[in-house]
Amino acid sequence: MPKYRRYNWPHLLSEFEKSELTQVEFCKQHNVNPKYFSVKLSERKKAQAKQAFATVVVQPNRESTQPQPLEKLIIEIGQCKIHCPAAMSIPNLVALVKSLI
């Protein structure tokens, strides 16, 4: 019966990403089952993708009772501000946000 091993998966996966080895080569060097390694790597990528999204809350302008046309869109992340035209298409806005992640 094969011996059960415990791995420090976050460390092991980080080491793999730093290396220029294929999954199979890396698994051979570290004596890890390639199929199980692939499962753990997929789980990590899915978890990272979920963390990449941020909640956006739009606060209405309380000074004006009449809706005003949007002149520009400002995306703020920390001290960084990106000014976008109001006419920017949704696909372009999505591409911009994805490139910032």
PDB file of N, CA and C in Angstrom:
ATOM      1  N   MET A   1       0.849  -1.185   0.000  1.00  0.00           N
ATOM      2  CA  MET A   1       0.000   0.000   0.000  1.00  0.00           C
ATOM      3  C   MET A   1       0.894   1.248   0.000  1.00  0.00           C
ATOM      4  N   PRO A   2       0.569   2.232  -0.860  1.00  0.00           N
ATOM      5  CA  PRO A   2       1.398   3.441  -0.917  1.00  0.00           C
ATOM      6  C   PRO A   2       1.311   4.241   0.383  1.00  0.00           C
ATOM      7  N   LYS A   3       2.406   4.873   0.727  1.00  0.00           N
ATOM      8  CA  LYS A   3       2.463   5.689   1.934  1.00  0.00           C
ATOM      9  C   LYS A   3       1.788   7.037   1.677  1.00  0.00           C
ATOM     10  N   TYR A   4       0.945   7.451   2.617  1.00  0.00           N
ATOM     11  CA  TYR A   4       0.263   8.743   2.516  1.00  0.00           C
ATOM     12  C   TYR A   4       1.238   9.847   2.908  1.00  0.00           C
ATOM     13  N   ARG A   5       1.295  10.875   2.101  1.00  0.00           N
ATOM     14  CA  ARG A   5       2.195  12.002   2.368  1.00  0.00           C
ATOM     15  C   ARG A   5       1.384  13.284   2.500  1.00  0.00           C
ATOM     16  N   ARG A   6       1.860  14.143   3.360  1.00  0.00           N
ATOM     17  CA  ARG A   6       1.267  15.481   3.485  1.00  0.00           C
ATOM     18  C   ARG A   6       2.215  16.465   2.832  1.00  0.00           C
ATOM     19  N   TYR A   7       1.652  17.324   2.002  1.00  0.00           N
ATOM     20  CA  TYR A   7       2.460  18.316   1.310  1.00  0.00           C
ATOM     21  C   TYR A   7       2.014  19.707   1.731  1.00  0.00           C
ATOM     22  N   ASN A   8       2.944  20.610   1.712  1.00  0.00           N
ATOM     23  CA  ASN A   8       2.632  22.022   1.913  1.00  0.00           C
ATOM     24  C   ASN A   8       2.241  22.547   0.529  1.00  0.00           C
ATOM     25  N   TRP A   9       0.963  22.391   0.173  1.00  0.00           N
ATOM     26  CA  TRP A   9       0.516  22.683  -1.194  1.00  0.00           C
ATOM     27  C   TRP A   9       0.759  24.123  -1.623  1.00  0.00           C
ATOM     28  N   PRO A  10       0.476  25.121  -0.801  1.00  0.00           N
ATOM     29  CA  PRO A  10       0.753  26.493  -1.263  1.00  0.00           C
ATOM     30  C   PRO A  10       2.226  26.689  -1.629  1.00  0.00           C
ATOM     31  N   HIS A  11       3.115  26.152  -0.795  1.00  0.00           N
ATOM     32  CA  HIS A  11       4.550  26.277  -1.070  1.00  0.00           C
ATOM     33  C   HIS A  11       4.929  25.488  -2.319  1.00  0.00           C
ATOM     34  N   LEU A  12       4.430  24.267  -2.414  1.00  0.00           N
ATOM     35  CA  LEU A  12       4.762  23.406  -3.551  1.00  0.00           C
ATOM     36  C   LEU A  12       4.273  24.016  -4.869  1.00  0.00           C
ATOM     37  N   LEU A  13       3.061  24.555  -4.872  1.00  0.00           N
ATOM     38  CA  LEU A  13       2.514  25.161  -6.091  1.00  0.00           C
ATOM     39  C   LEU A  13       3.263  26.445  -6.456  1.00  0.00           C
ATOM     40  N   SER A  14       3.677  27.204  -5.452  1.00  0.00           N
ATOM     41  CA  SER A  14       4.478  28.406  -5.726  1.00  0.00           C
ATOM     42  C   SER A  14       5.820  28.035  -6.335  1.00  0.00           C
ATOM     43  N   GLU A  15       6.429  26.981  -5.809  1.00  0.00           N
ATOM     44  CA  GLU A  15       7.705  26.513  -6.354  1.00  0.00           C
ATOM     45  C   GLU A  15       7.542  26.060  -7.803  1.00  0.00           C
ATOM     46  N   PHE A  16       6.435  25.394  -8.093  1.00  0.00           N
ATOM     47  CA  PHE A  16       6.182  24.954  -9.468  1.00  0.00           C
ATOM     48  C   PHE A  16       6.065  26.154 -10.400  1.00  0.00           C
ATOM     49  N   GLU A  17       5.315  27.181  -9.970  1.00  0.00           N
ATOM     50  CA  GLU A  17       5.114  28.361 -10.814  1.00  0.00           C
ATOM     51  C   GLU A  17       6.416  29.121 -11.051  1.00  0.00           C
ATOM     52  N   LYS A  18       7.339  29.063 -10.098  1.00  0.00           N
ATOM     53  CA  LYS A  18       8.643  29.712 -10.266  1.00  0.00           C
ATOM     54  C   LYS A  18       9.546  28.917 -11.199  1.00  0.00           C
ATOM     55  N   SER A  19       9.365  27.594 -11.193  1.00  0.00           N
ATOM     56  CA  SER A  19      10.225  26.743 -12.024  1.00  0.00           C
ATOM     57  C   SER A  19       9.786  26.836 -13.481  1.00  0.00           C
ATOM     58  N   GLU A  20      10.628  26.393 -14.357  1.00  0.00           N
ATOM     59  CA  GLU A  20      10.281  26.357 -15.781  1.00  0.00           C
ATOM     60  C   GLU A  20      10.036  24.921 -16.220  1.00  0.00           C
ATOM     61  N   LEU A  21       9.675  24.081 -15.262  1.00  0.00           N
ATOM     62  CA  LEU A  21       9.447  22.667 -15.540  1.00  0.00           C
ATOM     63  C   LEU A  21       7.999  22.423 -15.941  1.00  0.00           C
ATOM     64  N   THR A  22       7.784  21.321 -16.659  1.00  0.00           N
ATOM     65  CA  THR A  22       6.414  20.894 -16.928  1.00  0.00           C
ATOM     66  C   THR A  22       5.867  20.290 -15.642  1.00  0.00           C
ATOM     67  N   GLN A  23       4.558  20.096 -15.589  1.00  0.00           N
ATOM     68  CA  GLN A  23       3.960  19.489 -14.398  1.00  0.00           C
ATOM     69  C   GLN A  23       4.537  18.098 -14.150  1.00  0.00           C
ATOM     70  N   VAL A  24       4.682  17.323 -15.219  1.00  0.00           N
ATOM     71  CA  VAL A  24       5.187  15.951 -15.089  1.00  0.00           C
ATOM     72  C   VAL A  24       6.617  15.960 -14.545  1.00  0.00           C
ATOM     73  N   GLU A  25       7.475  16.811 -15.099  1.00  0.00           N
ATOM     74  CA  GLU A  25       8.865  16.882 -14.635  1.00  0.00           C
ATOM     75  C   GLU A  25       8.932  17.313 -13.168  1.00  0.00           C
ATOM     76  N   PHE A  26       8.139  18.321 -12.819  1.00  0.00           N
ATOM     77  CA  PHE A  26       8.132  18.817 -11.445  1.00  0.00           C
ATOM     78  C   PHE A  26       7.660  17.727 -10.486  1.00  0.00           C
ATOM     79  N   CYS A  27       6.605  17.018 -10.866  1.00  0.00           N
ATOM     80  CA  CYS A  27       6.062  15.957 -10.011  1.00  0.00           C
ATOM     81  C   CYS A  27       7.071  14.827  -9.822  1.00  0.00           C
ATOM     82  N   LYS A  28       7.798  14.474 -10.867  1.00  0.00           N
ATOM     83  CA  LYS A  28       8.823  13.431 -10.744  1.00  0.00           C
ATOM     84  C   LYS A  28       9.909  13.862  -9.769  1.00  0.00           C
ATOM     85  N   GLN A  29      10.347  15.109  -9.879  1.00  0.00           N
ATOM     86  CA  GLN A  29      11.415  15.605  -9.005  1.00  0.00           C
ATOM     87  C   GLN A  29      10.983  15.679  -7.539  1.00  0.00           C
ATOM     88  N   HIS A  30       9.693  15.934  -7.306  1.00  0.00           N
ATOM     89  CA  HIS A  30       9.205  16.106  -5.936  1.00  0.00           C
ATOM     90  C   HIS A  30       8.397  14.903  -5.446  1.00  0.00           C
ATOM     91  N   ASN A  31       8.392  13.849  -6.245  1.00  0.00           N
ATOM     92  CA  ASN A  31       7.707  12.605  -5.878  1.00  0.00           C
ATOM     93  C   ASN A  31       6.230  12.850  -5.529  1.00  0.00           C
ATOM     94  N   VAL A  32       5.541  13.535  -6.435  1.00  0.00           N
ATOM     95  CA  VAL A  32       4.127  13.871  -6.264  1.00  0.00           C
ATOM     96  C   VAL A  32       3.337  13.219  -7.392  1.00  0.00           C
ATOM     97  N   ASN A  33       2.141  12.743  -7.075  1.00  0.00           N
ATOM     98  CA  ASN A  33       1.260  12.165  -8.083  1.00  0.00           C
ATOM     99  C   ASN A  33       0.831  13.279  -9.045  1.00  0.00           C
ATOM    100  N   PRO A  34       1.134  13.157 -10.361  1.00  0.00           N
ATOM    101  CA  PRO A  34       0.818  14.235 -11.314  1.00  0.00           C
ATOM    102  C   PRO A  34      -0.673  14.540 -11.425  1.00  0.00           C
ATOM    103  N   LYS A  35      -1.517  13.521 -11.310  1.00  0.00           N
ATOM    104  CA  LYS A  35      -2.966  13.760 -11.412  1.00  0.00           C
ATOM    105  C   LYS A  35      -3.464  14.572 -10.215  1.00  0.00           C
ATOM    106  N   TYR A  36      -3.005  14.200  -9.026  1.00  0.00           N
ATOM    107  CA  TYR A  36      -3.414  14.922  -7.828  1.00  0.00           C
ATOM    108  C   TYR A  36      -2.845  16.343  -7.837  1.00  0.00           C
ATOM    109  N   PHE A  37      -1.623  16.478  -8.321  1.00  0.00           N
ATOM    110  CA  PHE A  37      -0.994  17.793  -8.438  1.00  0.00           C
ATOM    111  C   PHE A  37      -1.819  18.685  -9.361  1.00  0.00           C
ATOM    112  N   SER A  38      -2.265  18.128 -10.471  1.00  0.00           N
ATOM    113  CA  SER A  38      -3.071  18.885 -11.430  1.00  0.00           C
ATOM    114  C   SER A  38      -4.378  19.358 -10.794  1.00  0.00           C
ATOM    115  N   VAL A  39      -4.984  18.491  -9.982  1.00  0.00           N
ATOM    116  CA  VAL A  39      -6.226  18.861  -9.290  1.00  0.00           C
ATOM    117  C   VAL A  39      -5.967  20.032  -8.336  1.00  0.00           C
ATOM    118  N   LYS A  40      -4.895  19.945  -7.562  1.00  0.00           N
ATOM    119  CA  LYS A  40      -4.564  21.011  -6.608  1.00  0.00           C
ATOM    120  C   LYS A  40      -4.247  22.323  -7.326  1.00  0.00           C
ATOM    121  N   LEU A  41      -3.547  22.234  -8.466  1.00  0.00           N
ATOM    122  CA  LEU A  41      -3.214  23.428  -9.238  1.00  0.00           C
ATOM    123  C   LEU A  41      -4.483  24.079  -9.792  1.00  0.00           C
ATOM    124  N   SER A  42      -5.417  23.274 -10.277  1.00  0.00           N
ATOM    125  CA  SER A  42      -6.696  23.801 -10.787  1.00  0.00           C
ATOM    126  C   SER A  42      -7.488  24.481  -9.676  1.00  0.00           C
ATOM    127  N   GLU A  43      -7.515  23.857  -8.500  1.00  0.00           N
ATOM    128  CA  GLU A  43      -8.234  24.448  -7.363  1.00  0.00           C
ATOM    129  C   GLU A  43      -7.636  25.807  -6.996  1.00  0.00           C
ATOM    130  N   ARG A  44      -6.314  25.886  -7.023  1.00  0.00           N
ATOM    131  CA  ARG A  44      -5.643  27.150  -6.689  1.00  0.00           C
ATOM    132  C   ARG A  44      -5.989  28.233  -7.703  1.00  0.00           C
ATOM    133  N   LYS A  45      -5.984  27.880  -8.990  1.00  0.00           N
ATOM    134  CA  LYS A  45      -6.294  28.867 -10.032  1.00  0.00           C
ATOM    135  C   LYS A  45      -7.733  29.353  -9.916  1.00  0.00           C
ATOM    136  N   LYS A  46      -8.660  28.441  -9.595  1.00  0.00           N
ATOM    137  CA  LYS A  46     -10.060  28.836  -9.424  1.00  0.00           C
ATOM    138  C   LYS A  46     -10.211  29.773  -8.229  1.00  0.00           C
ATOM    139  N   ALA A  47      -9.523  29.468  -7.140  1.00  0.00           N
ATOM    140  CA  ALA A  47      -9.594  30.316  -5.942  1.00  0.00           C
ATOM    141  C   ALA A  47      -9.017  31.699  -6.223  1.00  0.00           C
ATOM    142  N   GLN A  48      -7.922  31.755  -6.975  1.00  0.00           N
ATOM    143  CA  GLN A  48      -7.317  33.044  -7.317  1.00  0.00           C
ATOM    144  C   GLN A  48      -8.239  33.847  -8.223  1.00  0.00           C
ATOM    145  N   ALA A  49      -8.931  33.177  -9.135  1.00  0.00           N
ATOM    146  CA  ALA A  49      -9.852  33.875 -10.040  1.00  0.00           C
ATOM    147  C   ALA A  49     -11.018  34.475  -9.256  1.00  0.00           C
ATOM    148  N   LYS A  50     -11.516  33.754  -8.246  1.00  0.00           N
ATOM    149  CA  LYS A  50     -12.615  34.275  -7.437  1.00  0.00           C
ATOM    150  C   LYS A  50     -12.183  35.496  -6.635  1.00  0.00           C
ATOM    151  N   GLN A  51     -10.936  35.511  -6.174  1.00  0.00           N
ATOM    152  CA  GLN A  51     -10.435  36.626  -5.381  1.00  0.00           C
ATOM    153  C   GLN A  51     -10.137  37.845  -6.236  1.00  0.00           C
ATOM    154  N   ALA A  52     -10.093  37.680  -7.539  1.00  0.00           N
ATOM    155  CA  ALA A  52      -9.711  38.774  -8.424  1.00  0.00           C
ATOM    156  C   ALA A  52     -10.835  39.796  -8.607  1.00  0.00           C
ATOM    157  N   PHE A  53     -12.050  39.466  -8.211  1.00  0.00           N
ATOM    158  CA  PHE A  53     -13.170  40.372  -8.405  1.00  0.00           C
ATOM    159  C   PHE A  53     -13.398  41.226  -7.165  1.00  0.00           C
ATOM    160  N   ALA A  54     -13.821  42.435  -7.389  1.00  0.00           N
ATOM    161  CA  ALA A  54     -14.104  43.357  -6.291  1.00  0.00           C
ATOM    162  C   ALA A  54     -15.543  43.847  -6.413  1.00  0.00           C
ATOM    163  N   THR A  55     -16.162  44.100  -5.285  1.00  0.00           N
ATOM    164  CA  THR A  55     -17.517  44.625  -5.271  1.00  0.00           C
ATOM    165  C   THR A  55     -17.473  46.127  -5.528  1.00  0.00           C
ATOM    166  N   VAL A  56     -18.353  46.592  -6.391  1.00  0.00           N
ATOM    167  CA  VAL A  56     -18.422  48.013  -6.721  1.00  0.00           C
ATOM    168  C   VAL A  56     -19.759  48.551  -6.227  1.00  0.00           C
ATOM    169  N   VAL A  57     -19.710  49.643  -5.502  1.00  0.00           N
ATOM    170  CA  VAL A  57     -20.921  50.280  -5.001  1.00  0.00           C
ATOM    171  C   VAL A  57     -21.009  51.667  -5.618  1.00  0.00           C
ATOM    172  N   VAL A  58     -22.128  51.955  -6.284  1.00  0.00           N
ATOM    173  CA  VAL A  58     -22.340  53.264  -6.897  1.00  0.00           C
ATOM    174  C   VAL A  58     -23.164  54.092  -5.927  1.00  0.00           C
ATOM    175  N   GLN A  59     -22.616  55.226  -5.536  1.00  0.00           N
ATOM    176  CA  GLN A  59     -23.314  56.107  -4.615  1.00  0.00           C
ATOM    177  C   GLN A  59     -23.951  57.240  -5.402  1.00  0.00           C
ATOM    178  N   PRO A  60     -25.246  57.455  -5.196  1.00  0.00           N
ATOM    179  CA  PRO A  60     -25.912  58.533  -5.930  1.00  0.00           C
ATOM    180  C   PRO A  60     -25.434  59.900  -5.445  1.00  0.00           C
ATOM    181  N   ASN A  61     -25.480  60.848  -6.361  1.00  0.00           N
ATOM    182  CA  ASN A  61     -25.123  62.225  -6.034  1.00  0.00           C
ATOM    183  C   ASN A  61     -26.309  62.840  -5.299  1.00  0.00           C
ATOM    184  N   ARG A  62     -26.147  63.152  -4.041  1.00  0.00           N
ATOM    185  CA  ARG A  62     -27.258  63.650  -3.221  1.00  0.00           C
ATOM    186  C   ARG A  62     -27.516  65.139  -3.415  1.00  0.00           C
ATOM    187  N   GLU A  63     -26.602  65.837  -4.046  1.00  0.00           N
ATOM    188  CA  GLU A  63     -26.761  67.281  -4.232  1.00  0.00           C
ATOM    189  C   GLU A  63     -27.811  67.605  -5.287  1.00  0.00           C
ATOM    190  N   SER A  64     -28.002  66.725  -6.240  1.00  0.00           N
ATOM    191  CA  SER A  64     -28.904  67.003  -7.349  1.00  0.00           C
ATOM    192  C   SER A  64     -30.122  66.087  -7.282  1.00  0.00           C
ATOM    193  N   THR A  65     -31.297  66.661  -7.504  1.00  0.00           N
ATOM    194  CA  THR A  65     -32.510  65.858  -7.531  1.00  0.00           C
ATOM    195  C   THR A  65     -32.809  65.364  -8.940  1.00  0.00           C
ATOM    196  N   GLN A  66     -32.266  66.032  -9.946  1.00  0.00           N
ATOM    197  CA  GLN A  66     -32.461  65.643 -11.345  1.00  0.00           C
ATOM    198  C   GLN A  66     -31.317  64.725 -11.779  1.00  0.00           C
ATOM    199  N   PRO A  67     -31.621  63.640 -12.470  1.00  0.00           N
ATOM    200  CA  PRO A  67     -30.528  62.806 -12.974  1.00  0.00           C
ATOM    201  C   PRO A  67     -29.696  63.571 -13.999  1.00  0.00           C
ATOM    202  N   GLN A  68     -28.403  63.512 -13.852  1.00  0.00           N
ATOM    203  CA  GLN A  68     -27.485  64.204 -14.753  1.00  0.00           C
ATOM    204  C   GLN A  68     -26.855  63.189 -15.707  1.00  0.00           C
ATOM    205  N   PRO A  69     -26.609  63.605 -16.948  1.00  0.00           N
ATOM    206  CA  PRO A  69     -25.937  62.690 -17.865  1.00  0.00           C
ATOM    207  C   PRO A  69     -24.507  62.432 -17.388  1.00  0.00           C
ATOM    208  N   LEU A  70     -24.084  61.224 -17.560  1.00  0.00           N
ATOM    209  CA  LEU A  70     -22.742  60.831 -17.146  1.00  0.00           C
ATOM    210  C   LEU A  70     -21.721  61.419 -18.106  1.00  0.00           C
ATOM    211  N   GLU A  71     -20.785  62.204 -17.578  1.00  0.00           N
ATOM    212  CA  GLU A  71     -19.757  62.824 -18.409  1.00  0.00           C
ATOM    213  C   GLU A  71     -18.545  61.923 -18.552  1.00  0.00           C
ATOM    214  N   LYS A  72     -18.156  61.305 -17.460  1.00  0.00           N
ATOM    215  CA  LYS A  72     -17.009  60.404 -17.499  1.00  0.00           C
ATOM    216  C   LYS A  72     -17.118  59.415 -16.344  1.00  0.00           C
ATOM    217  N   LEU A  73     -16.390  58.340 -16.482  1.00  0.00           N
ATOM    218  CA  LEU A  73     -16.350  57.300 -15.465  1.00  0.00           C
ATOM    219  C   LEU A  73     -14.954  57.319 -14.858  1.00  0.00           C
ATOM    220  N   ILE A  74     -14.879  57.352 -13.539  1.00  0.00           N
ATOM    221  CA  ILE A  74     -13.582  57.359 -12.862  1.00  0.00           C
ATOM    222  C   ILE A  74     -13.469  56.072 -12.055  1.00  0.00           C
ATOM    223  N   ILE A  75     -12.432  55.306 -12.352  1.00  0.00           N
ATOM    224  CA  ILE A  75     -12.159  54.075 -11.615  1.00  0.00           C
ATOM    225  C   ILE A  75     -11.034  54.384 -10.640  1.00  0.00           C
ATOM    226  N   GLU A  76     -11.307  54.181  -9.339  1.00  0.00           N
ATOM    227  CA  GLU A  76     -10.303  54.447  -8.310  1.00  0.00           C
ATOM    228  C   GLU A  76      -9.894  53.148  -7.647  1.00  0.00           C
ATOM    229  N   ILE A  77      -8.583  52.912  -7.609  1.00  0.00           N
ATOM    230  CA  ILE A  77      -8.024  51.778  -6.885  1.00  0.00           C
ATOM    231  C   ILE A  77      -6.880  52.340  -6.053  1.00  0.00           C
ATOM    232  N   GLY A  78      -7.098  52.486  -4.754  1.00  0.00           N
ATOM    233  CA  GLY A  78      -6.086  53.113  -3.905  1.00  0.00           C
ATOM    234  C   GLY A  78      -5.888  54.553  -4.325  1.00  0.00           C
ATOM    235  N   GLN A  79      -4.648  54.919  -4.658  1.00  0.00           N
ATOM    236  CA  GLN A  79      -4.341  56.282  -5.084  1.00  0.00           C
ATOM    237  C   GLN A  79      -4.379  56.435  -6.596  1.00  0.00           C
ATOM    238  N   CYS A  80      -4.656  55.372  -7.291  1.00  0.00           N
ATOM    239  CA  CYS A  80      -4.694  55.393  -8.763  1.00  0.00           C
ATOM    240  C   CYS A  80      -6.108  55.739  -9.236  1.00  0.00           C
ATOM    241  N   LYS A  81      -6.222  56.685 -10.158  1.00  0.00           N
ATOM    242  CA  LYS A  81      -7.510  57.057 -10.747  1.00  0.00           C
ATOM    243  C   LYS A  81      -7.398  56.933 -12.258  1.00  0.00           C
ATOM    244  N   ILE A  82      -8.369  56.256 -12.855  1.00  0.00           N
ATOM    245  CA  ILE A  82      -8.414  56.115 -14.307  1.00  0.00           C
ATOM    246  C   ILE A  82      -9.687  56.795 -14.783  1.00  0.00           C
ATOM    247  N   HIS A  83      -9.550  57.781 -15.652  1.00  0.00           N
ATOM    248  CA  HIS A  83     -10.688  58.523 -16.192  1.00  0.00           C
ATOM    249  C   HIS A  83     -11.056  57.930 -17.550  1.00  0.00           C
ATOM    250  N   CYS A  84     -12.312  57.512 -17.682  1.00  0.00           N
ATOM    251  CA  CYS A  84     -12.798  56.915 -18.929  1.00  0.00           C
ATOM    252  C   CYS A  84     -13.958  57.757 -19.456  1.00  0.00           C
ATOM    253  N   PRO A  85     -14.097  57.847 -20.766  1.00  0.00           N
ATOM    254  CA  PRO A  85     -15.241  58.589 -21.314  1.00  0.00           C
ATOM    255  C   PRO A  85     -16.545  57.850 -21.022  1.00  0.00           C
ATOM    256  N   ALA A  86     -17.622  58.600 -20.870  1.00  0.00           N
ATOM    257  CA  ALA A  86     -18.921  57.996 -20.582  1.00  0.00           C
ATOM    258  C   ALA A  86     -19.394  57.115 -21.729  1.00  0.00           C
ATOM    259  N   ALA A  87     -18.941  57.422 -22.934  1.00  0.00           N
ATOM    260  CA  ALA A  87     -19.370  56.662 -24.110  1.00  0.00           C
ATOM    261  C   ALA A  87     -18.569  55.369 -24.296  1.00  0.00           C
ATOM    262  N   MET A  88     -17.699  55.043 -23.365  1.00  0.00           N
ATOM    263  CA  MET A  88     -16.878  53.831 -23.481  1.00  0.00           C
ATOM    264  C   MET A  88     -17.793  52.610 -23.505  1.00  0.00           C
ATOM    265  N   SER A  89     -17.548  51.718 -24.446  1.00  0.00           N
ATOM    266  CA  SER A  89     -18.410  50.540 -24.583  1.00  0.00           C
ATOM    267  C   SER A  89     -18.173  49.571 -23.428  1.00  0.00           C
ATOM    268  N   ILE A  90     -19.188  48.782 -23.143  1.00  0.00           N
ATOM    269  CA  ILE A  90     -19.093  47.789 -22.066  1.00  0.00           C
ATOM    270  C   ILE A  90     -17.950  46.804 -22.317  1.00  0.00           C
ATOM    271  N   PRO A  91     -17.805  46.239 -23.541  1.00  0.00           N
ATOM    272  CA  PRO A  91     -16.682  45.305 -23.758  1.00  0.00           C
ATOM    273  C   PRO A  91     -15.315  45.950 -23.500  1.00  0.00           C
ATOM    274  N   ASN A  92     -15.151  47.214 -23.890  1.00  0.00           N
ATOM    275  CA  ASN A  92     -13.882  47.897 -23.628  1.00  0.00           C
ATOM    276  C   ASN A  92     -13.668  48.132 -22.135  1.00  0.00           C
ATOM    277  N   LEU A  93     -14.735  48.460 -21.419  1.00  0.00           N
ATOM    278  CA  LEU A  93     -14.638  48.655 -19.978  1.00  0.00           C
ATOM    279  C   LEU A  93     -14.271  47.342 -19.287  1.00  0.00           C
ATOM    280  N   VAL A  94     -14.907  46.255 -19.705  1.00  0.00           N
ATOM    281  CA  VAL A  94     -14.601  44.935 -19.143  1.00  0.00           C
ATOM    282  C   VAL A  94     -13.145  44.576 -19.408  1.00  0.00           C
ATOM    283  N   ALA A  95     -12.671  44.810 -20.630  1.00  0.00           N
ATOM    284  CA  ALA A  95     -11.275  44.507 -20.973  1.00  0.00           C
ATOM    285  C   ALA A  95     -10.319  45.335 -20.118  1.00  0.00           C
ATOM    286  N   LEU A  96     -10.655  46.597 -19.877  1.00  0.00           N
ATOM    287  CA  LEU A  96      -9.819  47.463 -19.046  1.00  0.00           C
ATOM    288  C   LEU A  96      -9.738  46.928 -17.623  1.00  0.00           C
ATOM    289  N   VAL A  97     -10.892  46.598 -17.050  1.00  0.00           N
ATOM    290  CA  VAL A  97     -10.923  46.100 -15.675  1.00  0.00           C
ATOM    291  C   VAL A  97     -10.150  44.787 -15.565  1.00  0.00           C
ATOM    292  N   LYS A  98     -10.320  43.891 -16.529  1.00  0.00           N
ATOM    293  CA  LYS A  98      -9.594  42.615 -16.498  1.00  0.00           C
ATOM    294  C   LYS A  98      -8.094  42.825 -16.605  1.00  0.00           C
ATOM    295  N   SER A  99      -7.670  43.825 -17.354  1.00  0.00           N
ATOM    296  CA  SER A  99      -6.233  44.073 -17.498  1.00  0.00           C
ATOM    297  C   SER A  99      -5.629  44.633 -16.214  1.00  0.00           C
ATOM    298  N   LEU A 100      -6.457  45.207 -15.348  1.00  0.00           N
ATOM    299  CA  LEU A 100      -5.966  45.761 -14.088  1.00  0.00           C
ATOM    300  C   LEU A 100      -5.799  44.696 -13.011  1.00  0.00           C
ATOM    301  N   ILE A 101      -6.398  43.550 -13.229  1.00  0.00           N
ATOM    302  CA  ILE A 101      -6.366  42.485 -12.216  1.00  0.00           C
ATOM    303  C   ILE A 101      -5.066  41.744 -12.275  1.00  0.00           C
TER     304      ILE A 101
END
